[in-house]
Amino acid sequence: MAVNIIKIKSFDFALRIVELYKFLCADKKEFVLSKQILRSGTAVGALIREAEQAESKLDFIHKLSIAQKEANETDYWLELLYQSEYLNETQFQSLKKDILEINKIVASIIITTKQRIGKK
């Protein structure tokens, strides 16, 4: 069975987001932005998992497109947490690198799938 890199990376990222949420609540006493990033940051992997069971190629693309939107939203919350000094630069850069990589992989999968549909 082939290794599903995006499935692994998105799950690992979701675990990091859960840890970030706990840190923001416990150490920074931040309860609003932390819930936003928890929701969007964990939704990425959930949508990727959901896409595995898509009913068609178009449904697959649709689910991954929503995952891409959630990744973009997560990037926004990371930026806001950093600019508002809830995250230090090291924390921010590490998480930002991961979400950008996930977003690039998802975009590539969407493009490849669209091309394959067009060839039929």
PDB file of N, CA and C in Angstrom:
ATOM      1  N   MET A   1       0.838  -1.185   0.000  1.00  0.00           N
ATOM      2  CA  MET A   1       0.000   0.000   0.000  1.00  0.00           C
ATOM      3  C   MET A   1       0.886   1.252   0.000  1.00  0.00           C
ATOM      4  N   ALA A   2       0.574   2.197  -0.850  1.00  0.00           N
ATOM      5  CA  ALA A   2       1.362   3.422  -0.981  1.00  0.00           C
ATOM      6  C   ALA A   2       1.179   4.325   0.244  1.00  0.00           C
ATOM      7  N   VAL A   3       2.217   5.042   0.565  1.00  0.00           N
ATOM      8  CA  VAL A   3       2.171   6.001   1.670  1.00  0.00           C
ATOM      9  C   VAL A   3       1.427   7.246   1.188  1.00  0.00           C
ATOM     10  N   ASN A   4       0.468   7.685   1.972  1.00  0.00           N
ATOM     11  CA  ASN A   4      -0.312   8.867   1.639  1.00  0.00           C
ATOM     12  C   ASN A   4       0.273  10.059   2.402  1.00  0.00           C
ATOM     13  N   ILE A   5       1.190  10.752   1.746  1.00  0.00           N
ATOM     14  CA  ILE A   5       1.929  11.851   2.393  1.00  0.00           C
ATOM     15  C   ILE A   5       1.001  12.945   2.922  1.00  0.00           C
ATOM     16  N   ILE A   6       0.022  13.354   2.124  1.00  0.00           N
ATOM     17  CA  ILE A   6      -0.851  14.453   2.555  1.00  0.00           C
ATOM     18  C   ILE A   6      -1.699  14.039   3.749  1.00  0.00           C
ATOM     19  N   LYS A   7      -2.088  12.787   3.801  1.00  0.00           N
ATOM     20  CA  LYS A   7      -2.868  12.283   4.937  1.00  0.00           C
ATOM     21  C   LYS A   7      -2.019  12.343   6.209  1.00  0.00           C
ATOM     22  N   ILE A   8      -0.780  11.922   6.112  1.00  0.00           N
ATOM     23  CA  ILE A   8       0.134  11.930   7.264  1.00  0.00           C
ATOM     24  C   ILE A   8       0.454  13.362   7.691  1.00  0.00           C
ATOM     25  N   LYS A   9       0.829  14.200   6.728  1.00  0.00           N
ATOM     26  CA  LYS A   9       1.216  15.583   7.053  1.00  0.00           C
ATOM     27  C   LYS A   9       0.047  16.369   7.651  1.00  0.00           C
ATOM     28  N   SER A  10      -1.153  16.185   7.106  1.00  0.00           N
ATOM     29  CA  SER A  10      -2.304  16.933   7.625  1.00  0.00           C
ATOM     30  C   SER A  10      -2.699  16.453   9.020  1.00  0.00           C
ATOM     31  N   PHE A  11      -2.549  15.153   9.287  1.00  0.00           N
ATOM     32  CA  PHE A  11      -2.850  14.639  10.621  1.00  0.00           C
ATOM     33  C   PHE A  11      -1.818  15.146  11.635  1.00  0.00           C
ATOM     34  N   ASP A  12      -0.544  15.081  11.260  1.00  0.00           N
ATOM     35  CA  ASP A  12       0.509  15.587  12.145  1.00  0.00           C
ATOM     36  C   ASP A  12       0.322  17.082  12.418  1.00  0.00           C
ATOM     37  N   PHE A  13      -0.080  17.822  11.392  1.00  0.00           N
ATOM     38  CA  PHE A  13      -0.332  19.253  11.567  1.00  0.00           C
ATOM     39  C   PHE A  13      -1.503  19.465  12.527  1.00  0.00           C
ATOM     40  N   ALA A  14      -2.556  18.666  12.398  1.00  0.00           N
ATOM     41  CA  ALA A  14      -3.711  18.787  13.297  1.00  0.00           C
ATOM     42  C   ALA A  14      -3.285  18.555  14.748  1.00  0.00           C
ATOM     43  N   LEU A  15      -2.410  17.582  14.968  1.00  0.00           N
ATOM     44  CA  LEU A  15      -1.902  17.341  16.324  1.00  0.00           C
ATOM     45  C   LEU A  15      -1.141  18.565  16.843  1.00  0.00           C
ATOM     46  N   ARG A  16      -0.353  19.182  15.966  1.00  0.00           N
ATOM     47  CA  ARG A  16       0.381  20.396  16.374  1.00  0.00           C
ATOM     48  C   ARG A  16      -0.585  21.532  16.710  1.00  0.00           C
ATOM     49  N   ILE A  17      -1.669  21.624  15.964  1.00  0.00           N
ATOM     50  CA  ILE A  17      -2.664  22.669  16.215  1.00  0.00           C
ATOM     51  C   ILE A  17      -3.371  22.425  17.548  1.00  0.00           C
ATOM     52  N   VAL A  18      -3.646  21.177  17.873  1.00  0.00           N
ATOM     53  CA  VAL A  18      -4.252  20.858  19.176  1.00  0.00           C
ATOM     54  C   VAL A  18      -3.302  21.282  20.298  1.00  0.00           C
ATOM     55  N   GLU A  19      -2.013  20.998  20.133  1.00  0.00           N
ATOM     56  CA  GLU A  19      -1.024  21.420  21.132  1.00  0.00           C
ATOM     57  C   GLU A  19      -0.951  22.948  21.225  1.00  0.00           C
ATOM     58  N   LEU A  20      -1.026  23.616  20.076  1.00  0.00           N
ATOM     59  CA  LEU A  20      -1.029  25.078  20.066  1.00  0.00           C
ATOM     60  C   LEU A  20      -2.247  25.608  20.816  1.00  0.00           C
ATOM     61  N   TYR A  21      -3.389  25.010  20.571  1.00  0.00           N
ATOM     62  CA  TYR A  21      -4.617  25.418  21.257  1.00  0.00           C
ATOM     63  C   TYR A  21      -4.445  25.305  22.775  1.00  0.00           C
ATOM     64  N   LYS A  22      -3.915  24.176  23.227  1.00  0.00           N
ATOM     65  CA  LYS A  22      -3.701  23.981  24.664  1.00  0.00           C
ATOM     66  C   LYS A  22      -2.736  25.024  25.224  1.00  0.00           C
ATOM     67  N   PHE A  23      -1.671  25.300  24.476  1.00  0.00           N
ATOM     68  CA  PHE A  23      -0.686  26.306  24.888  1.00  0.00           C
ATOM     69  C   PHE A  23      -1.329  27.693  24.972  1.00  0.00           C
ATOM     70  N   LEU A  24      -2.085  28.067  23.954  1.00  0.00           N
ATOM     71  CA  LEU A  24      -2.708  29.391  23.944  1.00  0.00           C
ATOM     72  C   LEU A  24      -3.695  29.560  25.098  1.00  0.00           C
ATOM     73  N   CYS A  25      -4.451  28.526  25.389  1.00  0.00           N
ATOM     74  CA  CYS A  25      -5.418  28.600  26.488  1.00  0.00           C
ATOM     75  C   CYS A  25      -4.730  28.609  27.854  1.00  0.00           C
ATOM     76  N   ALA A  26      -3.796  27.694  28.047  1.00  0.00           N
ATOM     77  CA  ALA A  26      -3.166  27.549  29.365  1.00  0.00           C
ATOM     78  C   ALA A  26      -2.140  28.636  29.662  1.00  0.00           C
ATOM     79  N   ASP A  27      -1.244  28.896  28.708  1.00  0.00           N
ATOM     80  CA  ASP A  27      -0.131  29.812  28.967  1.00  0.00           C
ATOM     81  C   ASP A  27      -0.443  31.260  28.616  1.00  0.00           C
ATOM     82  N   LYS A  28      -1.174  31.469  27.554  1.00  0.00           N
ATOM     83  CA  LYS A  28      -1.438  32.834  27.077  1.00  0.00           C
ATOM     84  C   LYS A  28      -2.820  33.348  27.470  1.00  0.00           C
ATOM     85  N   LYS A  29      -3.657  32.463  27.992  1.00  0.00           N
ATOM     86  CA  LYS A  29      -5.030  32.816  28.385  1.00  0.00           C
ATOM     87  C   LYS A  29      -5.795  33.450  27.220  1.00  0.00           C
ATOM     88  N   GLU A  30      -5.587  32.875  26.048  1.00  0.00           N
ATOM     89  CA  GLU A  30      -6.260  33.348  24.835  1.00  0.00           C
ATOM     90  C   GLU A  30      -7.291  32.293  24.455  1.00  0.00           C
ATOM     91  N   PHE A  31      -8.574  32.712  24.356  1.00  0.00           N
ATOM     92  CA  PHE A  31      -9.648  31.737  24.172  1.00  0.00           C
ATOM     93  C   PHE A  31     -10.478  31.936  22.907  1.00  0.00           C
ATOM     94  N   VAL A  32     -10.293  33.015  22.202  1.00  0.00           N
ATOM     95  CA  VAL A  32     -11.109  33.285  21.009  1.00  0.00           C
ATOM     96  C   VAL A  32     -10.367  32.879  19.737  1.00  0.00           C
ATOM     97  N   LEU A  33      -9.211  33.479  19.504  1.00  0.00           N
ATOM     98  CA  LEU A  33      -8.425  33.137  18.316  1.00  0.00           C
ATOM     99  C   LEU A  33      -8.004  31.666  18.342  1.00  0.00           C
ATOM    100  N   SER A  34      -7.739  31.164  19.535  1.00  0.00           N
ATOM    101  CA  SER A  34      -7.306  29.767  19.661  1.00  0.00           C
ATOM    102  C   SER A  34      -8.384  28.805  19.173  1.00  0.00           C
ATOM    103  N   LYS A  35      -9.646  29.129  19.424  1.00  0.00           N
ATOM    104  CA  LYS A  35     -10.731  28.262  18.928  1.00  0.00           C
ATOM    105  C   LYS A  35     -10.841  28.342  17.415  1.00  0.00           C
ATOM    106  N   GLN A  36     -10.598  29.509  16.856  1.00  0.00           N
ATOM    107  CA  GLN A  36     -10.662  29.674  15.402  1.00  0.00           C
ATOM    108  C   GLN A  36      -9.601  28.825  14.716  1.00  0.00           C
ATOM    109  N   ILE A  37      -8.371  28.895  15.228  1.00  0.00           N
ATOM    110  CA  ILE A  37      -7.290  28.129  14.594  1.00  0.00           C
ATOM    111  C   ILE A  37      -7.449  26.630  14.868  1.00  0.00           C
ATOM    112  N   LEU A  38      -8.012  26.282  16.010  1.00  0.00           N
ATOM    113  CA  LEU A  38      -8.283  24.864  16.294  1.00  0.00           C
ATOM    114  C   LEU A  38      -9.275  24.314  15.267  1.00  0.00           C
ATOM    115  N   ARG A  39     -10.326  25.069  14.995  1.00  0.00           N
ATOM    116  CA  ARG A  39     -11.345  24.628  14.058  1.00  0.00           C
ATOM    117  C   ARG A  39     -10.791  24.491  12.645  1.00  0.00           C
ATOM    118  N   SER A  40     -10.152  25.561  12.145  1.00  0.00           N
ATOM    119  CA  SER A  40      -9.674  25.515  10.758  1.00  0.00           C
ATOM    120  C   SER A  40      -8.466  24.591  10.601  1.00  0.00           C
ATOM    121  N   GLY A  41      -7.576  24.585  11.577  1.00  0.00           N
ATOM    122  CA  GLY A  41      -6.357  23.790  11.478  1.00  0.00           C
ATOM    123  C   GLY A  41      -6.584  22.289  11.530  1.00  0.00           C
ATOM    124  N   THR A  42      -7.621  21.870  12.253  1.00  0.00           N
ATOM    125  CA  THR A  42      -7.942  20.443  12.299  1.00  0.00           C
ATOM    126  C   THR A  42      -8.885  20.045  11.164  1.00  0.00           C
ATOM    127  N   ALA A  43      -9.610  20.999  10.612  1.00  0.00           N
ATOM    128  CA  ALA A  43     -10.533  20.714   9.505  1.00  0.00           C
ATOM    129  C   ALA A  43      -9.784  20.288   8.247  1.00  0.00           C
ATOM    130  N   VAL A  44      -8.576  20.781   8.061  1.00  0.00           N
ATOM    131  CA  VAL A  44      -7.798  20.456   6.855  1.00  0.00           C
ATOM    132  C   VAL A  44      -7.653  18.942   6.727  1.00  0.00           C
ATOM    133  N   GLY A  45      -7.146  18.302   7.765  1.00  0.00           N
ATOM    134  CA  GLY A  45      -6.952  16.855   7.729  1.00  0.00           C
ATOM    135  C   GLY A  45      -8.262  16.093   7.649  1.00  0.00           C
ATOM    136  N   ALA A  46      -9.285  16.587   8.334  1.00  0.00           N
ATOM    137  CA  ALA A  46     -10.592  15.922   8.293  1.00  0.00           C
ATOM    138  C   ALA A  46     -11.162  15.935   6.880  1.00  0.00           C
ATOM    139  N   LEU A  47     -11.012  17.040   6.184  1.00  0.00           N
ATOM    140  CA  LEU A  47     -11.511  17.139   4.808  1.00  0.00           C
ATOM    141  C   LEU A  47     -10.703  16.269   3.852  1.00  0.00           C
ATOM    142  N   ILE A  48      -9.413  16.176   4.095  1.00  0.00           N
ATOM    143  CA  ILE A  48      -8.578  15.297   3.271  1.00  0.00           C
ATOM    144  C   ILE A  48      -9.009  13.846   3.475  1.00  0.00           C
ATOM    145  N   ARG A  49      -9.283  13.472   4.705  1.00  0.00           N
ATOM    146  CA  ARG A  49      -9.782  12.121   4.979  1.00  0.00           C
ATOM    147  C   ARG A  49     -11.137  11.905   4.314  1.00  0.00           C
ATOM    148  N   GLU A  50     -11.980  12.911   4.377  1.00  0.00           N
ATOM    149  CA  GLU A  50     -13.298  12.819   3.759  1.00  0.00           C
ATOM    150  C   GLU A  50     -13.182  12.650   2.244  1.00  0.00           C
ATOM    151  N   ALA A  51     -12.205  13.308   1.649  1.00  0.00           N
ATOM    152  CA  ALA A  51     -12.003  13.211   0.204  1.00  0.00           C
ATOM    153  C   ALA A  51     -11.654  11.796  -0.226  1.00  0.00           C
ATOM    154  N   GLU A  52     -11.066  11.023   0.668  1.00  0.00           N
ATOM    155  CA  GLU A  52     -10.737   9.628   0.354  1.00  0.00           C
ATOM    156  C   GLU A  52     -11.988   8.829  -0.017  1.00  0.00           C
ATOM    157  N   GLN A  53     -13.106   9.223   0.528  1.00  0.00           N
ATOM    158  CA  GLN A  53     -14.365   8.518   0.289  1.00  0.00           C
ATOM    159  C   GLN A  53     -15.286   9.286  -0.663  1.00  0.00           C
ATOM    160  N   ALA A  54     -14.704  10.135  -1.467  1.00  0.00           N
ATOM    161  CA  ALA A  54     -15.499  10.942  -2.403  1.00  0.00           C
ATOM    162  C   ALA A  54     -16.313  10.043  -3.330  1.00  0.00           C
ATOM    163  N   GLU A  55     -17.460  10.537  -3.722  1.00  0.00           N
ATOM    164  CA  GLU A  55     -18.369   9.780  -4.582  1.00  0.00           C
ATOM    165  C   GLU A  55     -17.978   9.851  -6.055  1.00  0.00           C
ATOM    166  N   SER A  56     -17.167  10.839  -6.406  1.00  0.00           N
ATOM    167  CA  SER A  56     -16.724  11.015  -7.790  1.00  0.00           C
ATOM    168  C   SER A  56     -15.452  11.858  -7.788  1.00  0.00           C
ATOM    169  N   LYS A  57     -14.834  11.988  -8.942  1.00  0.00           N
ATOM    170  CA  LYS A  57     -13.643  12.845  -9.055  1.00  0.00           C
ATOM    171  C   LYS A  57     -13.997  14.298  -8.757  1.00  0.00           C
ATOM    172  N   LEU A  58     -15.175  14.729  -9.204  1.00  0.00           N
ATOM    173  CA  LEU A  58     -15.597  16.105  -8.936  1.00  0.00           C
ATOM    174  C   LEU A  58     -15.832  16.324  -7.439  1.00  0.00           C
ATOM    175  N   ASP A  59     -16.400  15.336  -6.772  1.00  0.00           N
ATOM    176  CA  ASP A  59     -16.597  15.421  -5.331  1.00  0.00           C
ATOM    177  C   ASP A  59     -15.245  15.455  -4.614  1.00  0.00           C
ATOM    178  N   PHE A  60     -14.307  14.657  -5.096  1.00  0.00           N
ATOM    179  CA  PHE A  60     -12.943  14.629  -4.561  1.00  0.00           C
ATOM    180  C   PHE A  60     -12.308  16.022  -4.655  1.00  0.00           C
ATOM    181  N   ILE A  61     -12.401  16.629  -5.831  1.00  0.00           N
ATOM    182  CA  ILE A  61     -11.854  17.978  -6.046  1.00  0.00           C
ATOM    183  C   ILE A  61     -12.538  18.978  -5.120  1.00  0.00           C
ATOM    184  N   HIS A  62     -13.852  18.863  -5.005  1.00  0.00           N
ATOM    185  CA  HIS A  62     -14.608  19.792  -4.159  1.00  0.00           C
ATOM    186  C   HIS A  62     -14.157  19.707  -2.701  1.00  0.00           C
ATOM    187  N   LYS A  63     -14.024  18.500  -2.190  1.00  0.00           N
ATOM    188  CA  LYS A  63     -13.611  18.326  -0.796  1.00  0.00           C
ATOM    189  C   LYS A  63     -12.188  18.845  -0.565  1.00  0.00           C
ATOM    190  N   LEU A  64     -11.302  18.583  -1.515  1.00  0.00           N
ATOM    191  CA  LEU A  64      -9.932  19.097  -1.381  1.00  0.00           C
ATOM    192  C   LEU A  64      -9.884  20.611  -1.525  1.00  0.00           C
ATOM    193  N   SER A  65     -10.780  21.172  -2.320  1.00  0.00           N
ATOM    194  CA  SER A  65     -10.851  22.641  -2.451  1.00  0.00           C
ATOM    195  C   SER A  65     -11.266  23.271  -1.133  1.00  0.00           C
ATOM    196  N   ILE A  66     -12.173  22.629  -0.434  1.00  0.00           N
ATOM    197  CA  ILE A  66     -12.570  23.134   0.885  1.00  0.00           C
ATOM    198  C   ILE A  66     -11.404  22.995   1.866  1.00  0.00           C
ATOM    199  N   ALA A  67     -10.669  21.881   1.794  1.00  0.00           N
ATOM    200  CA  ALA A  67      -9.483  21.712   2.643  1.00  0.00           C
ATOM    201  C   ALA A  67      -8.476  22.823   2.375  1.00  0.00           C
ATOM    202  N   GLN A  68      -8.328  23.192   1.106  1.00  0.00           N
ATOM    203  CA  GLN A  68      -7.410  24.271   0.734  1.00  0.00           C
ATOM    204  C   GLN A  68      -7.867  25.607   1.335  1.00  0.00           C
ATOM    205  N   LYS A  69      -9.156  25.851   1.327  1.00  0.00           N
ATOM    206  CA  LYS A  69      -9.692  27.076   1.937  1.00  0.00           C
ATOM    207  C   LYS A  69      -9.435  27.093   3.437  1.00  0.00           C
ATOM    208  N   GLU A  70      -9.611  25.940   4.083  1.00  0.00           N
ATOM    209  CA  GLU A  70      -9.347  25.852   5.525  1.00  0.00           C
ATOM    210  C   GLU A  70      -7.856  26.072   5.822  1.00  0.00           C
ATOM    211  N   ALA A  71      -7.002  25.573   4.942  1.00  0.00           N
ATOM    212  CA  ALA A  71      -5.557  25.795   5.105  1.00  0.00           C
ATOM    213  C   ALA A  71      -5.233  27.279   4.979  1.00  0.00           C
ATOM    214  N   ASN A  72      -5.861  27.941   4.019  1.00  0.00           N
ATOM    215  CA  ASN A  72      -5.655  29.390   3.861  1.00  0.00           C
ATOM    216  C   ASN A  72      -6.138  30.148   5.090  1.00  0.00           C
ATOM    217  N   GLU A  73      -7.279  29.731   5.623  1.00  0.00           N
ATOM    218  CA  GLU A  73      -7.799  30.371   6.831  1.00  0.00           C
ATOM    219  C   GLU A  73      -6.856  30.142   8.009  1.00  0.00           C
ATOM    220  N   THR A  74      -6.324  28.940   8.118  1.00  0.00           N
ATOM    221  CA  THR A  74      -5.379  28.626   9.187  1.00  0.00           C
ATOM    222  C   THR A  74      -4.138  29.506   9.085  1.00  0.00           C
ATOM    223  N   ASP A  75      -3.672  29.712   7.875  1.00  0.00           N
ATOM    224  CA  ASP A  75      -2.528  30.595   7.644  1.00  0.00           C
ATOM    225  C   ASP A  75      -2.842  32.008   8.142  1.00  0.00           C
ATOM    226  N   TYR A  76      -4.051  32.465   7.896  1.00  0.00           N
ATOM    227  CA  TYR A  76      -4.483  33.781   8.373  1.00  0.00           C
ATOM    228  C   TYR A  76      -4.423  33.858   9.905  1.00  0.00           C
ATOM    229  N   TRP A  77      -4.980  32.853  10.582  1.00  0.00           N
ATOM    230  CA  TRP A  77      -4.986  32.859  12.052  1.00  0.00           C
ATOM    231  C   TRP A  77      -3.570  32.790  12.609  1.00  0.00           C
ATOM    232  N   LEU A  78      -2.701  32.021  11.957  1.00  0.00           N
ATOM    233  CA  LEU A  78      -1.298  31.977  12.386  1.00  0.00           C
ATOM    234  C   LEU A  78      -0.663  33.363  12.298  1.00  0.00           C
ATOM    235  N   GLU A  79      -0.891  34.012  11.183  1.00  0.00           N
ATOM    236  CA  GLU A  79      -0.351  35.362  10.974  1.00  0.00           C
ATOM    237  C   GLU A  79      -0.879  36.328  12.043  1.00  0.00           C
ATOM    238  N   LEU A  80      -2.165  36.245  12.316  1.00  0.00           N
ATOM    239  CA  LEU A  80      -2.767  37.128  13.324  1.00  0.00           C
ATOM    240  C   LEU A  80      -2.215  36.845  14.722  1.00  0.00           C
ATOM    241  N   LEU A  81      -2.074  35.562  15.064  1.00  0.00           N
ATOM    242  CA  LEU A  81      -1.507  35.209  16.371  1.00  0.00           C
ATOM    243  C   LEU A  81      -0.067  35.684  16.508  1.00  0.00           C
ATOM    244  N   TYR A  82       0.672  35.613  15.425  1.00  0.00           N
ATOM    245  CA  TYR A  82       2.064  36.087  15.445  1.00  0.00           C
ATOM    246  C   TYR A  82       2.118  37.612  15.560  1.00  0.00           C
ATOM    247  N   GLN A  83       1.361  38.288  14.721  1.00  0.00           N
ATOM    248  CA  GLN A  83       1.382  39.762  14.730  1.00  0.00           C
ATOM    249  C   GLN A  83       0.841  40.348  16.038  1.00  0.00           C
ATOM    250  N   SER A  84      -0.034  39.597  16.704  1.00  0.00           N
ATOM    251  CA  SER A  84      -0.563  40.072  17.992  1.00  0.00           C
ATOM    252  C   SER A  84       0.252  39.545  19.172  1.00  0.00           C
ATOM    253  N   GLU A  85       1.395  38.939  18.862  1.00  0.00           N
ATOM    254  CA  GLU A  85       2.394  38.500  19.829  1.00  0.00           C
ATOM    255  C   GLU A  85       1.966  37.357  20.743  1.00  0.00           C
ATOM    256  N   TYR A  86       1.044  36.533  20.265  1.00  0.00           N
ATOM    257  CA  TYR A  86       0.721  35.300  20.988  1.00  0.00           C
ATOM    258  C   TYR A  86       1.689  34.182  20.621  1.00  0.00           C
ATOM    259  N   LEU A  87       2.284  34.275  19.422  1.00  0.00           N
ATOM    260  CA  LEU A  87       3.295  33.314  18.970  1.00  0.00           C
ATOM    261  C   LEU A  87       4.616  34.030  18.770  1.00  0.00           C
ATOM    262  N   ASN A  88       5.706  33.369  19.130  1.00  0.00           N
ATOM    263  CA  ASN A  88       7.011  33.944  18.816  1.00  0.00           C
ATOM    264  C   ASN A  88       7.374  33.570  17.378  1.00  0.00           C
ATOM    265  N   GLU A  89       8.437  34.120  16.883  1.00  0.00           N
ATOM    266  CA  GLU A  89       8.796  33.902  15.481  1.00  0.00           C
ATOM    267  C   GLU A  89       9.106  32.437  15.177  1.00  0.00           C
ATOM    268  N   THR A  90       9.757  31.755  16.084  1.00  0.00           N
ATOM    269  CA  THR A  90      10.088  30.343  15.872  1.00  0.00           C
ATOM    270  C   THR A  90       8.822  29.498  15.750  1.00  0.00           C
ATOM    271  N   GLN A  91       7.884  29.699  16.662  1.00  0.00           N
ATOM    272  CA  GLN A  91       6.612  28.966  16.613  1.00  0.00           C
ATOM    273  C   GLN A  91       5.886  29.259  15.301  1.00  0.00           C
ATOM    274  N   PHE A  92       5.805  30.536  14.987  1.00  0.00           N
ATOM    275  CA  PHE A  92       5.095  30.968  13.785  1.00  0.00           C
ATOM    276  C   PHE A  92       5.705  30.378  12.523  1.00  0.00           C
ATOM    277  N   GLN A  93       7.014  30.517  12.373  1.00  0.00           N
ATOM    278  CA  GLN A  93       7.682  30.049  11.147  1.00  0.00           C
ATOM    279  C   GLN A  93       7.536  28.542  10.969  1.00  0.00           C
ATOM    280  N   SER A  94       7.617  27.797  12.040  1.00  0.00           N
ATOM    281  CA  SER A  94       7.495  26.349  11.974  1.00  0.00           C
ATOM    282  C   SER A  94       6.100  25.927  11.508  1.00  0.00           C
ATOM    283  N   LEU A  95       5.074  26.500  12.114  1.00  0.00           N
ATOM    284  CA  LEU A  95       3.697  26.178  11.731  1.00  0.00           C
ATOM    285  C   LEU A  95       3.369  26.695  10.327  1.00  0.00           C
ATOM    286  N   LYS A  96       3.856  27.883  10.020  1.00  0.00           N
ATOM    287  CA  LYS A  96       3.601  28.467   8.692  1.00  0.00           C
ATOM    288  C   LYS A  96       4.224  27.592   7.605  1.00  0.00           C
ATOM    289  N   LYS A  97       5.419  27.127   7.818  1.00  0.00           N
ATOM    290  CA  LYS A  97       6.092  26.252   6.848  1.00  0.00           C
ATOM    291  C   LYS A  97       5.250  25.007   6.589  1.00  0.00           C
ATOM    292  N   ASP A  98       4.732  24.418   7.652  1.00  0.00           N
ATOM    293  CA  ASP A  98       3.929  23.200   7.516  1.00  0.00           C
ATOM    294  C   ASP A  98       2.622  23.448   6.760  1.00  0.00           C
ATOM    295  N   ILE A  99       1.912  24.526   7.100  1.00  0.00           N
ATOM    296  CA  ILE A  99       0.622  24.758   6.438  1.00  0.00           C
ATOM    297  C   ILE A  99       0.822  25.149   4.979  1.00  0.00           C
ATOM    298  N   LEU A 100       1.892  25.869   4.675  1.00  0.00           N
ATOM    299  CA  LEU A 100       2.164  26.207   3.272  1.00  0.00           C
ATOM    300  C   LEU A 100       2.505  24.954   2.467  1.00  0.00           C
ATOM    301  N   GLU A 101       3.251  24.036   3.074  1.00  0.00           N
ATOM    302  CA  GLU A 101       3.585  22.784   2.394  1.00  0.00           C
ATOM    303  C   GLU A 101       2.319  21.955   2.141  1.00  0.00           C
ATOM    304  N   ILE A 102       1.462  21.870   3.132  1.00  0.00           N
ATOM    305  CA  ILE A 102       0.198  21.143   2.975  1.00  0.00           C
ATOM    306  C   ILE A 102      -0.630  21.778   1.868  1.00  0.00           C
ATOM    307  N   ASN A 103      -0.703  23.095   1.873  1.00  0.00           N
ATOM    308  CA  ASN A 103      -1.492  23.804   0.868  1.00  0.00           C
ATOM    309  C   ASN A 103      -0.948  23.561  -0.545  1.00  0.00           C
ATOM    310  N   LYS A 104       0.353  23.534  -0.691  1.00  0.00           N
ATOM    311  CA  LYS A 104       0.961  23.273  -2.006  1.00  0.00           C
ATOM    312  C   LYS A 104       0.659  21.855  -2.482  1.00  0.00           C
ATOM    313  N   ILE A 105       0.723  20.901  -1.575  1.00  0.00           N
ATOM    314  CA  ILE A 105       0.435  19.512  -1.946  1.00  0.00           C
ATOM    315  C   ILE A 105      -1.027  19.373  -2.359  1.00  0.00           C
ATOM    316  N   VAL A 106      -1.921  19.958  -1.584  1.00  0.00           N
ATOM    317  CA  VAL A 106      -3.352  19.890  -1.914  1.00  0.00           C
ATOM    318  C   VAL A 106      -3.612  20.549  -3.265  1.00  0.00           C
ATOM    319  N   ALA A 107      -3.013  21.704  -3.506  1.00  0.00           N
ATOM    320  CA  ALA A 107      -3.185  22.388  -4.793  1.00  0.00           C
ATOM    321  C   ALA A 107      -2.702  21.513  -5.942  1.00  0.00           C
ATOM    322  N   SER A 108      -1.579  20.864  -5.744  1.00  0.00           N
ATOM    323  CA  SER A 108      -1.023  19.984  -6.776  1.00  0.00           C
ATOM    324  C   SER A 108      -1.960  18.801  -7.057  1.00  0.00           C
ATOM    325  N   ILE A 109      -2.518  18.226  -6.016  1.00  0.00           N
ATOM    326  CA  ILE A 109      -3.456  17.105  -6.183  1.00  0.00           C
ATOM    327  C   ILE A 109      -4.688  17.568  -6.962  1.00  0.00           C
ATOM    328  N   ILE A 110      -5.195  18.737  -6.619  1.00  0.00           N
ATOM    329  CA  ILE A 110      -6.371  19.276  -7.316  1.00  0.00           C
ATOM    330  C   ILE A 110      -6.060  19.483  -8.794  1.00  0.00           C
ATOM    331  N   ILE A 111      -4.934  20.113  -9.087  1.00  0.00           N
ATOM    332  CA  ILE A 111      -4.548  20.376 -10.480  1.00  0.00           C
ATOM    333  C   ILE A 111      -4.390  19.074 -11.256  1.00  0.00           C
ATOM    334  N   THR A 112      -3.689  18.115 -10.675  1.00  0.00           N
ATOM    335  CA  THR A 112      -3.473  16.825 -11.341  1.00  0.00           C
ATOM    336  C   THR A 112      -4.800  16.112 -11.605  1.00  0.00           C
ATOM    337  N   THR A 113      -5.676  16.128 -10.628  1.00  0.00           N
ATOM    338  CA  THR A 113      -6.978  15.472 -10.789  1.00  0.00           C
ATOM    339  C   THR A 113      -7.793  16.155 -11.884  1.00  0.00           C
ATOM    340  N   LYS A 114      -7.781  17.475 -11.912  1.00  0.00           N
ATOM    341  CA  LYS A 114      -8.501  18.207 -12.966  1.00  0.00           C
ATOM    342  C   LYS A 114      -7.944  17.872 -14.341  1.00  0.00           C
ATOM    343  N   GLN A 115      -6.633  17.771 -14.437  1.00  0.00           N
ATOM    344  CA  GLN A 115      -6.005  17.423 -15.725  1.00  0.00           C
ATOM    345  C   GLN A 115      -6.412  16.024 -16.164  1.00  0.00           C
ATOM    346  N   ARG A 116      -6.459  15.106 -15.233  1.00  0.00           N
ATOM    347  CA  ARG A 116      -6.839  13.719 -15.574  1.00  0.00           C
ATOM    348  C   ARG A 116      -8.303  13.640 -16.016  1.00  0.00           C
ATOM    349  N   ILE A 117      -9.157  14.438 -15.414  1.00  0.00           N
ATOM    350  CA  ILE A 117     -10.562  14.477 -15.814  1.00  0.00           C
ATOM    351  C   ILE A 117     -10.663  15.025 -17.246  1.00  0.00           C
ATOM    352  N   GLY A 118      -9.866  16.046 -17.516  1.00  0.00           N
ATOM    353  CA  GLY A 118      -9.880  16.684 -18.847  1.00  0.00           C
ATOM    354  C   GLY A 118      -9.404  15.761 -19.958  1.00  0.00           C
ATOM    355  N   LYS A 119      -8.588  14.770 -19.627  1.00  0.00           N
ATOM    356  CA  LYS A 119      -8.039  13.863 -20.631  1.00  0.00           C
ATOM    357  C   LYS A 119      -9.038  12.781 -21.034  1.00  0.00           C
ATOM    358  N   LYS A 120     -10.087  12.615 -20.271  1.00  0.00           N
ATOM    359  CA  LYS A 120     -11.055  11.536 -20.557  1.00  0.00           C
ATOM    360  C   LYS A 120     -12.082  11.972 -21.564  1.00  0.00           C
TER     361      LYS A 120
END
